[in-house]
Amino acid sequence: MTPEAERKMQFLFALRSRGVTDNRVLQAMETVDRAAFIRHYFTDRAYEDMPLPIACGQTISQPSVVGLMTQALNVSSRDKVLEVGTGSGYQAAVLSQLARRVYTVDRHMRLVREAREVFDGMGLVNITAFTADGSHGLPDQAPFDRIIVTAAAEDPPGPLLAQLKIGGIMVLPVGQSDAVQRLIRVTRSETGFDYDELRPVRFVPLVEGLGRDS
């Protein structure tokens, strides 16, 4: 077995051992090379289950958290998905393997530009990336079947709840940035919203407005 194949096998084993059991999600994460979204001297740690720093003071989430959030989202091949917080672009790339269309927004123009370059290099034609204040969602493209937020808010933002289809699912971390955060799943029904707590997590805070580089 080549070192590359062995690393990938260990990567998938680590995901399974941390609760990522959906075969479609595992296949998507095997297909999308995390190393492509990491720059400089962190690339040799791409297959480790840990968050890593990226530009603009942000991080690329640890793979098991990406897997668990994607699994909780329960994406189908017909779904239109909104991601708030493009970051490195890794989560959007994983979602692109599962969904019909992925819209991703970030407040940092540099992150969106760099993510687009990776998407283009990988031939991921079903992702559209915008520089925008993600806390407002994307009203022009709403409603969405699925919404994923990769930054923590104190409560699920009202505009995002409003842009979720009936029957739709949103997965996001909720809590203060300096306290315990919980990953929650919100399901919209005819009569309102149902909330499920999934696990403790740690994410950067969801910040309104655009980044200084935008």
N, C-alpha and C. Protein backbone atom coordinates (compact mmCIF):
# COMPACT_ATOMS: atom_id res chain seq x y z
N MET A 1 0.84 -1.20 0.00
CA MET A 1 0.00 0.00 0.00
C MET A 1 0.89 1.26 0.00
N THR A 2 0.54 2.23 -0.84
CA THR A 2 1.33 3.46 -0.89
C THR A 2 1.10 4.28 0.37
N PRO A 3 2.05 5.16 0.73
CA PRO A 3 1.86 6.03 1.90
C PRO A 3 0.58 6.87 1.79
N GLU A 4 0.29 7.31 0.55
CA GLU A 4 -0.92 8.12 0.32
C GLU A 4 -2.18 7.30 0.62
N ALA A 5 -2.23 6.07 0.13
CA ALA A 5 -3.40 5.21 0.36
C ALA A 5 -3.53 4.87 1.85
N GLU A 6 -2.40 4.67 2.51
CA GLU A 6 -2.43 4.36 3.94
C GLU A 6 -2.95 5.55 4.74
N ARG A 7 -2.50 6.77 4.37
CA ARG A 7 -2.98 7.97 5.07
C ARG A 7 -4.48 8.12 4.91
N LYS A 8 -4.97 7.86 3.69
CA LYS A 8 -6.41 7.99 3.44
C LYS A 8 -7.20 6.95 4.23
N MET A 9 -6.67 5.75 4.33
CA MET A 9 -7.35 4.70 5.08
C MET A 9 -7.42 5.08 6.57
N GLN A 10 -6.32 5.61 7.10
CA GLN A 10 -6.31 6.04 8.50
C GLN A 10 -7.26 7.21 8.72
N PHE A 11 -7.32 8.11 7.73
CA PHE A 11 -8.22 9.26 7.77
C PHE A 11 -9.66 8.79 7.88
N LEU A 12 -10.07 7.86 7.03
CA LEU A 12 -11.45 7.35 7.05
C LEU A 12 -11.73 6.55 8.32
N PHE A 13 -10.74 5.82 8.80
CA PHE A 13 -10.92 5.08 10.05
C PHE A 13 -11.15 6.05 11.21
N ALA A 14 -10.39 7.16 11.23
CA ALA A 14 -10.57 8.17 12.29
C ALA A 14 -11.96 8.78 12.23
N LEU A 15 -12.44 9.04 11.03
CA LEU A 15 -13.80 9.60 10.88
C LEU A 15 -14.84 8.63 11.42
N ARG A 16 -14.72 7.37 11.04
CA ARG A 16 -15.69 6.36 11.52
C ARG A 16 -15.65 6.23 13.04
N SER A 17 -14.45 6.24 13.61
CA SER A 17 -14.32 6.05 15.05
C SER A 17 -14.89 7.23 15.84
N ARG A 18 -15.08 8.36 15.17
CA ARG A 18 -15.64 9.54 15.84
C ARG A 18 -17.12 9.75 15.48
N GLY A 19 -17.71 8.74 14.84
CA GLY A 19 -19.16 8.78 14.66
C GLY A 19 -19.65 9.11 13.27
N VAL A 20 -18.72 9.30 12.30
CA VAL A 20 -19.15 9.56 10.92
C VAL A 20 -19.34 8.19 10.26
N THR A 21 -20.59 7.78 10.12
CA THR A 21 -20.88 6.42 9.64
C THR A 21 -21.65 6.40 8.32
N ASP A 22 -22.13 7.55 7.87
CA ASP A 22 -22.89 7.62 6.62
C ASP A 22 -21.93 7.38 5.44
N ASN A 23 -22.19 6.34 4.67
CA ASN A 23 -21.27 5.96 3.59
C ASN A 23 -21.14 7.04 2.52
N ARG A 24 -22.23 7.74 2.23
CA ARG A 24 -22.17 8.81 1.22
C ARG A 24 -21.25 9.94 1.70
N VAL A 25 -21.34 10.28 2.99
CA VAL A 25 -20.48 11.33 3.55
C VAL A 25 -19.02 10.87 3.54
N LEU A 26 -18.77 9.64 3.94
CA LEU A 26 -17.40 9.11 3.93
C LEU A 26 -16.82 9.10 2.53
N GLN A 27 -17.63 8.72 1.56
CA GLN A 27 -17.16 8.70 0.17
C GLN A 27 -16.83 10.10 -0.32
N ALA A 28 -17.69 11.08 0.04
CA ALA A 28 -17.44 12.47 -0.36
C ALA A 28 -16.14 12.97 0.25
N MET A 29 -15.89 12.59 1.52
CA MET A 29 -14.69 13.07 2.20
C MET A 29 -13.44 12.34 1.72
N GLU A 30 -13.62 11.14 1.19
CA GLU A 30 -12.50 10.43 0.56
C GLU A 30 -12.17 11.07 -0.79
N THR A 31 -13.20 11.53 -1.50
CA THR A 31 -13.02 12.11 -2.83
C THR A 31 -12.35 13.48 -2.78
N VAL A 32 -12.74 14.30 -1.79
CA VAL A 32 -12.25 15.68 -1.71
C VAL A 32 -10.96 15.71 -0.89
N ASP A 33 -9.87 16.10 -1.53
CA ASP A 33 -8.57 16.12 -0.86
C ASP A 33 -8.45 17.35 0.03
N ARG A 34 -8.45 17.13 1.35
CA ARG A 34 -8.37 18.26 2.30
C ARG A 34 -7.08 19.06 2.12
N ALA A 35 -6.03 18.40 1.68
CA ALA A 35 -4.73 19.08 1.52
C ALA A 35 -4.82 20.24 0.52
N ALA A 36 -5.73 20.15 -0.44
CA ALA A 36 -5.86 21.21 -1.44
C ALA A 36 -6.34 22.53 -0.83
N PHE A 37 -6.92 22.46 0.37
CA PHE A 37 -7.49 23.65 1.01
C PHE A 37 -6.60 24.20 2.11
N ILE A 38 -5.42 23.62 2.26
CA ILE A 38 -4.50 24.03 3.32
C ILE A 38 -3.21 24.51 2.66
N ARG A 39 -2.69 25.61 3.17
CA ARG A 39 -1.50 26.20 2.54
C ARG A 39 -0.28 26.13 3.45
N HIS A 40 0.86 26.34 2.83
CA HIS A 40 2.14 26.47 3.53
C HIS A 40 2.50 25.19 4.29
N TYR A 41 3.07 25.36 5.48
CA TYR A 41 3.66 24.20 6.15
C TYR A 41 2.66 23.34 6.91
N PHE A 42 1.36 23.64 6.81
CA PHE A 42 0.36 22.79 7.46
C PHE A 42 -0.14 21.67 6.55
N THR A 43 0.28 21.68 5.28
CA THR A 43 -0.27 20.69 4.33
C THR A 43 0.05 19.25 4.74
N ASP A 44 1.17 19.03 5.41
CA ASP A 44 1.50 17.65 5.79
C ASP A 44 0.64 17.15 6.95
N ARG A 45 -0.20 18.03 7.51
CA ARG A 45 -1.10 17.62 8.60
C ARG A 45 -2.56 17.53 8.12
N ALA A 46 -2.73 17.55 6.80
CA ALA A 46 -4.08 17.62 6.22
C ALA A 46 -4.96 16.44 6.61
N TYR A 47 -4.34 15.28 6.84
CA TYR A 47 -5.15 14.09 7.13
C TYR A 47 -5.28 13.82 8.63
N GLU A 48 -4.81 14.77 9.45
CA GLU A 48 -4.99 14.63 10.89
C GLU A 48 -6.34 15.23 11.29
N ASP A 49 -6.95 14.66 12.32
CA ASP A 49 -8.27 15.14 12.74
C ASP A 49 -8.12 16.31 13.70
N MET A 50 -7.74 17.43 13.12
CA MET A 50 -7.56 18.64 13.92
C MET A 50 -7.85 19.87 13.07
N PRO A 51 -8.34 20.96 13.72
CA PRO A 51 -8.49 22.21 12.98
C PRO A 51 -7.11 22.80 12.68
N LEU A 52 -7.00 23.54 11.59
CA LEU A 52 -5.73 24.16 11.22
C LEU A 52 -5.97 25.61 10.83
N PRO A 53 -5.00 26.48 11.05
CA PRO A 53 -5.18 27.89 10.70
C PRO A 53 -5.17 28.13 9.20
N ILE A 54 -6.01 29.07 8.78
CA ILE A 54 -6.01 29.54 7.38
C ILE A 54 -5.93 31.07 7.43
N ALA A 55 -6.05 31.72 6.31
CA ALA A 55 -5.92 33.18 6.24
C ALA A 55 -7.05 33.88 7.00
N CYS A 56 -6.86 35.18 7.23
CA CYS A 56 -7.88 36.06 7.84
C CYS A 56 -8.24 35.65 9.27
N GLY A 57 -7.29 34.97 9.95
CA GLY A 57 -7.53 34.60 11.34
C GLY A 57 -8.57 33.51 11.52
N GLN A 58 -8.88 32.76 10.47
CA GLN A 58 -9.90 31.72 10.52
C GLN A 58 -9.25 30.34 10.59
N THR A 59 -10.07 29.30 10.68
CA THR A 59 -9.54 27.94 10.71
C THR A 59 -10.31 27.06 9.74
N ILE A 60 -9.67 25.97 9.33
CA ILE A 60 -10.36 24.90 8.62
C ILE A 60 -10.75 23.90 9.70
N SER A 61 -12.03 23.54 9.76
CA SER A 61 -12.53 22.68 10.83
C SER A 61 -11.89 21.30 10.77
N GLN A 62 -11.87 20.63 11.94
CA GLN A 62 -11.33 19.27 11.94
C GLN A 62 -12.27 18.37 11.14
N PRO A 63 -11.71 17.41 10.41
CA PRO A 63 -12.51 16.59 9.50
C PRO A 63 -13.69 15.89 10.17
N SER A 64 -13.52 15.41 11.40
CA SER A 64 -14.64 14.70 12.03
C SER A 64 -15.82 15.62 12.26
N VAL A 65 -15.57 16.90 12.57
CA VAL A 65 -16.67 17.86 12.76
C VAL A 65 -17.34 18.15 11.42
N VAL A 66 -16.54 18.30 10.35
CA VAL A 66 -17.11 18.46 9.00
C VAL A 66 -18.01 17.26 8.68
N GLY A 67 -17.50 16.06 8.97
CA GLY A 67 -18.27 14.85 8.68
C GLY A 67 -19.56 14.76 9.49
N LEU A 68 -19.47 15.07 10.78
CA LEU A 68 -20.66 14.98 11.63
C LEU A 68 -21.71 16.03 11.25
N MET A 69 -21.26 17.25 10.90
CA MET A 69 -22.20 18.29 10.47
C MET A 69 -22.86 17.91 9.15
N THR A 70 -22.06 17.38 8.23
CA THR A 70 -22.59 16.97 6.93
C THR A 70 -23.59 15.82 7.10
N GLN A 71 -23.24 14.88 7.95
CA GLN A 71 -24.12 13.74 8.23
C GLN A 71 -25.45 14.21 8.83
N ALA A 72 -25.38 15.16 9.79
CA ALA A 72 -26.59 15.68 10.44
C ALA A 72 -27.47 16.44 9.45
N LEU A 73 -26.85 16.99 8.40
CA LEU A 73 -27.61 17.77 7.41
C LEU A 73 -28.46 16.87 6.50
N ASN A 74 -28.02 15.60 6.35
CA ASN A 74 -28.80 14.62 5.58
C ASN A 74 -29.13 15.15 4.18
N VAL A 75 -28.09 15.48 3.44
CA VAL A 75 -28.25 16.10 2.12
C VAL A 75 -28.62 15.05 1.07
N SER A 76 -29.56 15.41 0.20
CA SER A 76 -29.89 14.53 -0.93
C SER A 76 -29.41 15.16 -2.23
N SER A 77 -29.38 14.37 -3.28
CA SER A 77 -28.85 14.83 -4.57
C SER A 77 -29.74 15.89 -5.22
N ARG A 78 -30.93 16.12 -4.68
CA ARG A 78 -31.82 17.15 -5.23
C ARG A 78 -31.72 18.48 -4.49
N ASP A 79 -30.97 18.50 -3.39
CA ASP A 79 -31.01 19.64 -2.48
C ASP A 79 -30.20 20.84 -2.95
N LYS A 80 -30.72 22.02 -2.61
CA LYS A 80 -30.00 23.28 -2.76
C LYS A 80 -29.56 23.69 -1.36
N VAL A 81 -28.24 23.86 -1.19
CA VAL A 81 -27.66 24.06 0.14
C VAL A 81 -27.02 25.44 0.24
N LEU A 82 -27.23 26.11 1.38
CA LEU A 82 -26.52 27.35 1.69
C LEU A 82 -25.51 27.07 2.80
N GLU A 83 -24.26 27.46 2.56
CA GLU A 83 -23.25 27.41 3.62
C GLU A 83 -22.89 28.83 4.00
N VAL A 84 -22.96 29.13 5.30
CA VAL A 84 -22.54 30.43 5.82
C VAL A 84 -21.17 30.25 6.47
N GLY A 85 -20.16 30.87 5.88
CA GLY A 85 -18.79 30.73 6.36
C GLY A 85 -17.97 29.82 5.45
N THR A 86 -17.60 30.33 4.29
CA THR A 86 -16.85 29.52 3.31
C THR A 86 -15.52 29.04 3.88
N GLY A 87 -14.82 29.95 4.57
CA GLY A 87 -13.51 29.60 5.11
C GLY A 87 -12.59 29.11 4.02
N SER A 88 -12.02 27.93 4.22
CA SER A 88 -11.09 27.36 3.23
C SER A 88 -11.81 26.87 1.98
N GLY A 89 -13.12 26.59 2.10
CA GLY A 89 -13.88 25.99 1.00
C GLY A 89 -14.05 24.49 1.13
N TYR A 90 -13.41 23.88 2.13
CA TYR A 90 -13.43 22.41 2.25
C TYR A 90 -14.84 21.87 2.50
N GLN A 91 -15.58 22.49 3.43
CA GLN A 91 -16.93 22.01 3.72
C GLN A 91 -17.82 22.11 2.48
N ALA A 92 -17.73 23.22 1.74
CA ALA A 92 -18.53 23.38 0.53
C ALA A 92 -18.19 22.32 -0.51
N ALA A 93 -16.90 21.99 -0.62
CA ALA A 93 -16.47 20.98 -1.59
C ALA A 93 -17.05 19.61 -1.23
N VAL A 94 -17.06 19.28 0.07
CA VAL A 94 -17.66 18.01 0.51
C VAL A 94 -19.16 18.01 0.18
N LEU A 95 -19.83 19.11 0.48
CA LEU A 95 -21.27 19.21 0.20
C LEU A 95 -21.56 19.10 -1.30
N SER A 96 -20.63 19.60 -2.13
CA SER A 96 -20.85 19.58 -3.58
C SER A 96 -20.94 18.16 -4.13
N GLN A 97 -20.37 17.20 -3.39
CA GLN A 97 -20.43 15.80 -3.82
C GLN A 97 -21.81 15.18 -3.54
N LEU A 98 -22.59 15.84 -2.69
CA LEU A 98 -23.85 15.27 -2.21
C LEU A 98 -25.08 16.01 -2.68
N ALA A 99 -24.94 17.32 -2.94
CA ALA A 99 -26.09 18.18 -3.23
C ALA A 99 -26.17 18.51 -4.72
N ARG A 100 -27.32 19.03 -5.11
CA ARG A 100 -27.47 19.51 -6.49
C ARG A 100 -26.71 20.82 -6.69
N ARG A 101 -26.83 21.70 -5.70
CA ARG A 101 -26.24 23.04 -5.82
C ARG A 101 -25.81 23.52 -4.44
N VAL A 102 -24.64 24.13 -4.34
CA VAL A 102 -24.15 24.69 -3.08
C VAL A 102 -23.86 26.18 -3.28
N TYR A 103 -24.48 26.99 -2.43
CA TYR A 103 -24.16 28.42 -2.37
C TYR A 103 -23.40 28.64 -1.07
N THR A 104 -22.25 29.31 -1.16
CA THR A 104 -21.45 29.54 0.03
C THR A 104 -21.07 31.01 0.13
N VAL A 105 -21.16 31.57 1.33
CA VAL A 105 -20.86 32.99 1.53
C VAL A 105 -19.85 33.16 2.66
N ASP A 106 -19.00 34.17 2.52
CA ASP A 106 -18.05 34.51 3.57
C ASP A 106 -17.85 36.01 3.56
N ARG A 107 -17.54 36.56 4.73
CA ARG A 107 -17.35 38.02 4.83
C ARG A 107 -15.95 38.44 4.39
N HIS A 108 -15.06 37.48 4.17
CA HIS A 108 -13.69 37.80 3.77
C HIS A 108 -13.50 37.52 2.27
N MET A 109 -13.27 38.58 1.51
CA MET A 109 -13.11 38.46 0.06
C MET A 109 -11.94 37.55 -0.30
N ARG A 110 -10.85 37.63 0.47
CA ARG A 110 -9.67 36.81 0.17
C ARG A 110 -10.00 35.31 0.28
N LEU A 111 -10.74 34.94 1.32
CA LEU A 111 -11.09 33.53 1.48
C LEU A 111 -11.97 33.04 0.33
N VAL A 112 -12.92 33.87 -0.07
CA VAL A 112 -13.80 33.48 -1.18
C VAL A 112 -13.00 33.34 -2.47
N ARG A 113 -12.10 34.27 -2.72
CA ARG A 113 -11.26 34.21 -3.94
C ARG A 113 -10.41 32.94 -3.94
N GLU A 114 -9.76 32.65 -2.82
CA GLU A 114 -8.89 31.47 -2.77
C GLU A 114 -9.70 30.17 -2.86
N ALA A 115 -10.88 30.15 -2.24
CA ALA A 115 -11.73 28.96 -2.33
C ALA A 115 -12.19 28.73 -3.76
N ARG A 116 -12.55 29.82 -4.45
CA ARG A 116 -12.98 29.69 -5.86
C ARG A 116 -11.88 29.08 -6.71
N GLU A 117 -10.65 29.47 -6.45
CA GLU A 117 -9.52 28.93 -7.22
C GLU A 117 -9.41 27.42 -7.03
N VAL A 118 -9.61 26.97 -5.79
CA VAL A 118 -9.53 25.53 -5.53
C VAL A 118 -10.72 24.81 -6.18
N PHE A 119 -11.93 25.40 -6.06
CA PHE A 119 -13.11 24.79 -6.70
C PHE A 119 -12.88 24.63 -8.20
N ASP A 120 -12.35 25.70 -8.83
CA ASP A 120 -12.10 25.66 -10.28
C ASP A 120 -11.07 24.57 -10.61
N GLY A 121 -10.03 24.49 -9.80
CA GLY A 121 -8.99 23.49 -10.04
C GLY A 121 -9.50 22.07 -9.91
N MET A 122 -10.51 21.88 -9.07
CA MET A 122 -11.09 20.55 -8.86
C MET A 122 -12.26 20.28 -9.82
N GLY A 123 -12.65 21.29 -10.59
CA GLY A 123 -13.78 21.12 -11.51
C GLY A 123 -15.12 21.02 -10.80
N LEU A 124 -15.25 21.68 -9.66
CA LEU A 124 -16.51 21.64 -8.90
C LEU A 124 -17.43 22.75 -9.42
N VAL A 125 -18.26 22.41 -10.39
CA VAL A 125 -19.04 23.43 -11.10
C VAL A 125 -20.38 23.74 -10.42
N ASN A 126 -20.73 22.99 -9.36
CA ASN A 126 -22.05 23.22 -8.73
C ASN A 126 -21.93 24.03 -7.44
N ILE A 127 -20.80 24.76 -7.28
CA ILE A 127 -20.64 25.65 -6.12
C ILE A 127 -20.59 27.09 -6.61
N THR A 128 -21.35 27.97 -5.96
CA THR A 128 -21.27 29.40 -6.22
C THR A 128 -20.87 30.08 -4.92
N ALA A 129 -19.76 30.82 -4.95
CA ALA A 129 -19.22 31.46 -3.75
C ALA A 129 -19.37 32.98 -3.84
N PHE A 130 -19.84 33.58 -2.75
CA PHE A 130 -20.07 35.03 -2.68
C PHE A 130 -19.33 35.63 -1.50
N THR A 131 -18.91 36.90 -1.65
CA THR A 131 -18.49 37.68 -0.50
C THR A 131 -19.72 38.44 -0.02
N ALA A 132 -20.16 38.15 1.21
CA ALA A 132 -21.37 38.76 1.74
C ALA A 132 -21.43 38.56 3.24
N ASP A 133 -22.31 39.30 3.89
CA ASP A 133 -22.58 39.12 5.32
C ASP A 133 -23.49 37.91 5.46
N GLY A 134 -22.91 36.79 5.87
CA GLY A 134 -23.65 35.53 5.90
C GLY A 134 -24.78 35.50 6.90
N SER A 135 -24.75 36.39 7.91
CA SER A 135 -25.83 36.36 8.91
C SER A 135 -27.17 36.73 8.28
N HIS A 136 -27.14 37.36 7.10
CA HIS A 136 -28.38 37.69 6.38
C HIS A 136 -28.76 36.61 5.36
N GLY A 137 -27.91 35.58 5.21
CA GLY A 137 -28.20 34.54 4.24
C GLY A 137 -28.07 35.04 2.82
N LEU A 138 -28.84 34.43 1.92
CA LEU A 138 -28.87 34.85 0.51
C LEU A 138 -30.34 34.92 0.08
N PRO A 139 -31.02 36.01 0.40
CA PRO A 139 -32.46 36.10 0.10
C PRO A 139 -32.80 35.87 -1.37
N ASP A 140 -31.91 36.30 -2.27
CA ASP A 140 -32.19 36.16 -3.71
C ASP A 140 -32.25 34.71 -4.17
N GLN A 141 -31.58 33.82 -3.43
CA GLN A 141 -31.55 32.40 -3.82
C GLN A 141 -32.46 31.54 -2.95
N ALA A 142 -33.05 32.12 -1.92
CA ALA A 142 -33.90 31.37 -0.99
C ALA A 142 -35.19 30.94 -1.67
N PRO A 143 -35.87 29.89 -1.15
CA PRO A 143 -35.52 29.14 0.07
C PRO A 143 -34.54 28.01 -0.22
N PHE A 144 -33.94 27.50 0.86
CA PHE A 144 -32.95 26.42 0.76
C PHE A 144 -33.47 25.15 1.41
N ASP A 145 -33.08 24.02 0.83
CA ASP A 145 -33.42 22.73 1.44
C ASP A 145 -32.58 22.47 2.69
N ARG A 146 -31.34 22.92 2.65
CA ARG A 146 -30.41 22.71 3.75
C ARG A 146 -29.57 23.97 3.95
N ILE A 147 -29.29 24.29 5.22
CA ILE A 147 -28.41 25.42 5.55
C ILE A 147 -27.41 24.92 6.59
N ILE A 148 -26.13 25.24 6.38
CA ILE A 148 -25.09 24.89 7.35
C ILE A 148 -24.33 26.17 7.69
N VAL A 149 -24.08 26.37 8.97
CA VAL A 149 -23.39 27.57 9.45
C VAL A 149 -22.12 27.11 10.16
N THR A 150 -20.97 27.64 9.73
CA THR A 150 -19.70 27.18 10.29
C THR A 150 -19.07 28.25 11.18
N ALA A 151 -19.92 29.04 11.84
CA ALA A 151 -19.49 30.00 12.85
C ALA A 151 -20.62 30.08 13.88
N ALA A 152 -20.25 30.37 15.12
CA ALA A 152 -21.22 30.26 16.22
C ALA A 152 -21.97 31.57 16.45
N ALA A 153 -23.29 31.47 16.53
CA ALA A 153 -24.15 32.58 16.92
C ALA A 153 -24.75 32.27 18.29
N GLU A 154 -25.22 33.31 18.98
CA GLU A 154 -25.86 33.06 20.28
C GLU A 154 -27.18 32.31 20.09
N ASP A 155 -27.86 32.63 18.99
CA ASP A 155 -29.11 31.95 18.62
C ASP A 155 -29.11 31.77 17.11
N PRO A 156 -29.88 30.81 16.59
CA PRO A 156 -29.99 30.69 15.13
C PRO A 156 -30.50 32.01 14.53
N PRO A 157 -29.75 32.61 13.58
CA PRO A 157 -30.17 33.91 13.03
C PRO A 157 -31.53 33.83 12.35
N GLY A 158 -32.39 34.80 12.66
CA GLY A 158 -33.75 34.85 12.11
C GLY A 158 -33.79 34.81 10.59
N PRO A 159 -32.94 35.59 9.88
CA PRO A 159 -32.97 35.56 8.42
C PRO A 159 -32.68 34.17 7.85
N LEU A 160 -31.82 33.41 8.51
CA LEU A 160 -31.50 32.06 8.03
C LEU A 160 -32.67 31.11 8.27
N LEU A 161 -33.30 31.22 9.43
CA LEU A 161 -34.49 30.40 9.69
C LEU A 161 -35.56 30.68 8.65
N ALA A 162 -35.71 31.96 8.29
CA ALA A 162 -36.74 32.35 7.32
C ALA A 162 -36.45 31.82 5.92
N GLN A 163 -35.17 31.55 5.62
CA GLN A 163 -34.79 31.10 4.28
C GLN A 163 -34.75 29.58 4.17
N LEU A 164 -35.16 28.89 5.22
CA LEU A 164 -35.19 27.43 5.22
C LEU A 164 -36.56 26.94 4.76
N LYS A 165 -36.57 26.04 3.80
CA LYS A 165 -37.83 25.46 3.31
C LYS A 165 -38.53 24.69 4.41
N ILE A 166 -39.84 24.58 4.31
CA ILE A 166 -40.57 23.65 5.18
C ILE A 166 -40.08 22.24 4.89
N GLY A 167 -39.72 21.51 5.93
CA GLY A 167 -39.09 20.21 5.76
C GLY A 167 -37.58 20.30 5.68
N GLY A 168 -37.05 21.53 5.64
CA GLY A 168 -35.61 21.73 5.52
C GLY A 168 -34.89 21.58 6.85
N ILE A 169 -33.57 21.44 6.77
CA ILE A 169 -32.73 21.23 7.96
C ILE A 169 -31.60 22.25 7.95
N MET A 170 -31.35 22.82 9.14
CA MET A 170 -30.17 23.69 9.33
C MET A 170 -29.33 23.11 10.46
N VAL A 171 -28.01 23.07 10.25
CA VAL A 171 -27.08 22.61 11.28
C VAL A 171 -26.12 23.76 11.57
N LEU A 172 -25.97 24.08 12.87
CA LEU A 172 -25.11 25.20 13.24
C LEU A 172 -24.67 25.10 14.69
N PRO A 173 -23.50 25.71 15.01
CA PRO A 173 -23.09 25.82 16.40
C PRO A 173 -23.77 27.03 17.05
N VAL A 174 -24.21 26.87 18.28
CA VAL A 174 -24.88 27.95 19.01
C VAL A 174 -24.20 28.11 20.36
N GLY A 175 -23.94 29.36 20.74
CA GLY A 175 -23.34 29.65 22.04
C GLY A 175 -22.40 30.82 21.96
N GLN A 176 -22.03 31.35 23.11
CA GLN A 176 -21.11 32.48 23.15
C GLN A 176 -19.70 31.99 22.79
N SER A 177 -18.93 32.87 22.17
CA SER A 177 -17.61 32.45 21.68
C SER A 177 -16.67 32.05 22.81
N ASP A 178 -16.86 32.60 24.02
CA ASP A 178 -15.95 32.29 25.12
C ASP A 178 -16.55 31.27 26.09
N ALA A 179 -17.63 30.63 25.68
CA ALA A 179 -18.27 29.63 26.53
C ALA A 179 -18.50 28.35 25.74
N VAL A 180 -19.18 27.41 26.34
CA VAL A 180 -19.46 26.15 25.65
C VAL A 180 -20.44 26.39 24.51
N GLN A 181 -20.13 25.83 23.37
CA GLN A 181 -21.04 25.88 22.22
C GLN A 181 -21.61 24.50 22.00
N ARG A 182 -22.83 24.46 21.48
CA ARG A 182 -23.48 23.20 21.15
C ARG A 182 -23.79 23.18 19.66
N LEU A 183 -23.54 22.04 19.03
CA LEU A 183 -23.97 21.87 17.65
C LEU A 183 -25.43 21.45 17.67
N ILE A 184 -26.27 22.21 16.96
CA ILE A 184 -27.70 21.88 16.96
C ILE A 184 -28.20 21.67 15.53
N ARG A 185 -29.27 20.90 15.43
CA ARG A 185 -29.96 20.68 14.16
C ARG A 185 -31.36 21.24 14.30
N VAL A 186 -31.71 22.12 13.36
CA VAL A 186 -33.04 22.74 13.34
C VAL A 186 -33.80 22.18 12.14
N THR A 187 -34.99 21.66 12.38
CA THR A 187 -35.83 21.15 11.30
C THR A 187 -37.09 22.01 11.24
N ARG A 188 -37.38 22.55 10.06
CA ARG A 188 -38.56 23.40 9.91
C ARG A 188 -39.78 22.54 9.55
N SER A 189 -40.86 22.73 10.30
CA SER A 189 -42.10 22.03 10.02
C SER A 189 -43.17 23.04 9.62
N GLU A 190 -44.36 22.55 9.31
CA GLU A 190 -45.48 23.44 8.96
C GLU A 190 -45.81 24.39 10.11
N THR A 191 -45.54 23.95 11.33
CA THR A 191 -45.97 24.72 12.50
C THR A 191 -44.85 25.47 13.20
N GLY A 192 -43.60 25.26 12.80
CA GLY A 192 -42.51 25.96 13.47
C GLY A 192 -41.18 25.26 13.28
N PHE A 193 -40.37 25.26 14.33
CA PHE A 193 -39.01 24.72 14.25
C PHE A 193 -38.77 23.74 15.38
N ASP A 194 -38.16 22.60 15.06
CA ASP A 194 -37.77 21.61 16.06
C ASP A 194 -36.25 21.65 16.20
N TYR A 195 -35.78 21.57 17.45
CA TYR A 195 -34.34 21.70 17.73
C TYR A 195 -33.82 20.41 18.37
N ASP A 196 -32.68 19.93 17.85
CA ASP A 196 -31.99 18.78 18.45
C ASP A 196 -30.56 19.20 18.79
N GLU A 197 -30.12 18.93 20.02
CA GLU A 197 -28.72 19.15 20.39
C GLU A 197 -27.91 17.94 19.99
N LEU A 198 -26.77 18.16 19.34
CA LEU A 198 -25.97 17.05 18.84
C LEU A 198 -24.72 16.80 19.68
N ARG A 199 -23.91 17.84 19.92
CA ARG A 199 -22.65 17.63 20.64
C ARG A 199 -21.99 18.97 20.95
N PRO A 200 -21.05 19.00 21.92
CA PRO A 200 -20.31 20.25 22.14
C PRO A 200 -19.28 20.47 21.03
N VAL A 201 -19.08 21.73 20.67
CA VAL A 201 -18.12 22.08 19.62
C VAL A 201 -17.45 23.40 19.97
N ARG A 202 -16.49 23.81 19.15
CA ARG A 202 -15.84 25.11 19.31
C ARG A 202 -15.62 25.71 17.93
N PHE A 203 -16.30 26.83 17.66
CA PHE A 203 -16.17 27.52 16.37
C PHE A 203 -15.86 28.99 16.60
N VAL A 204 -15.32 29.64 15.56
CA VAL A 204 -15.17 31.09 15.61
C VAL A 204 -16.56 31.71 15.65
N PRO A 205 -16.71 32.92 16.20
CA PRO A 205 -18.04 33.55 16.27
C PRO A 205 -18.54 34.01 14.91
N LEU A 206 -19.85 34.00 14.74
CA LEU A 206 -20.48 34.57 13.54
C LEU A 206 -20.49 36.08 13.69
N VAL A 207 -19.81 36.77 12.77
CA VAL A 207 -19.65 38.22 12.86
C VAL A 207 -20.43 38.89 11.73
N GLU A 208 -21.16 39.95 12.07
CA GLU A 208 -21.90 40.67 11.04
C GLU A 208 -20.96 41.60 10.27
N GLY A 209 -21.39 41.99 9.05
CA GLY A 209 -20.59 42.90 8.23
C GLY A 209 -19.55 42.16 7.42
N LEU A 210 -18.79 42.91 6.63
CA LEU A 210 -17.75 42.32 5.77
C LEU A 210 -16.39 42.47 6.44
N GLY A 211 -15.45 41.61 6.05
CA GLY A 211 -14.09 41.70 6.59
C GLY A 211 -13.36 42.92 6.04
N ARG A 212 -12.26 43.27 6.67
CA ARG A 212 -11.51 44.47 6.27
C ARG A 212 -10.93 44.33 4.87
N ASP A 213 -10.75 43.12 4.41
CA ASP A 213 -10.16 42.91 3.08
C ASP A 213 -11.22 42.99 1.99
N SER A 214 -12.48 43.23 2.34
CA SER A 214 -13.58 43.21 1.36
C SER A 214 -13.94 44.60 0.88
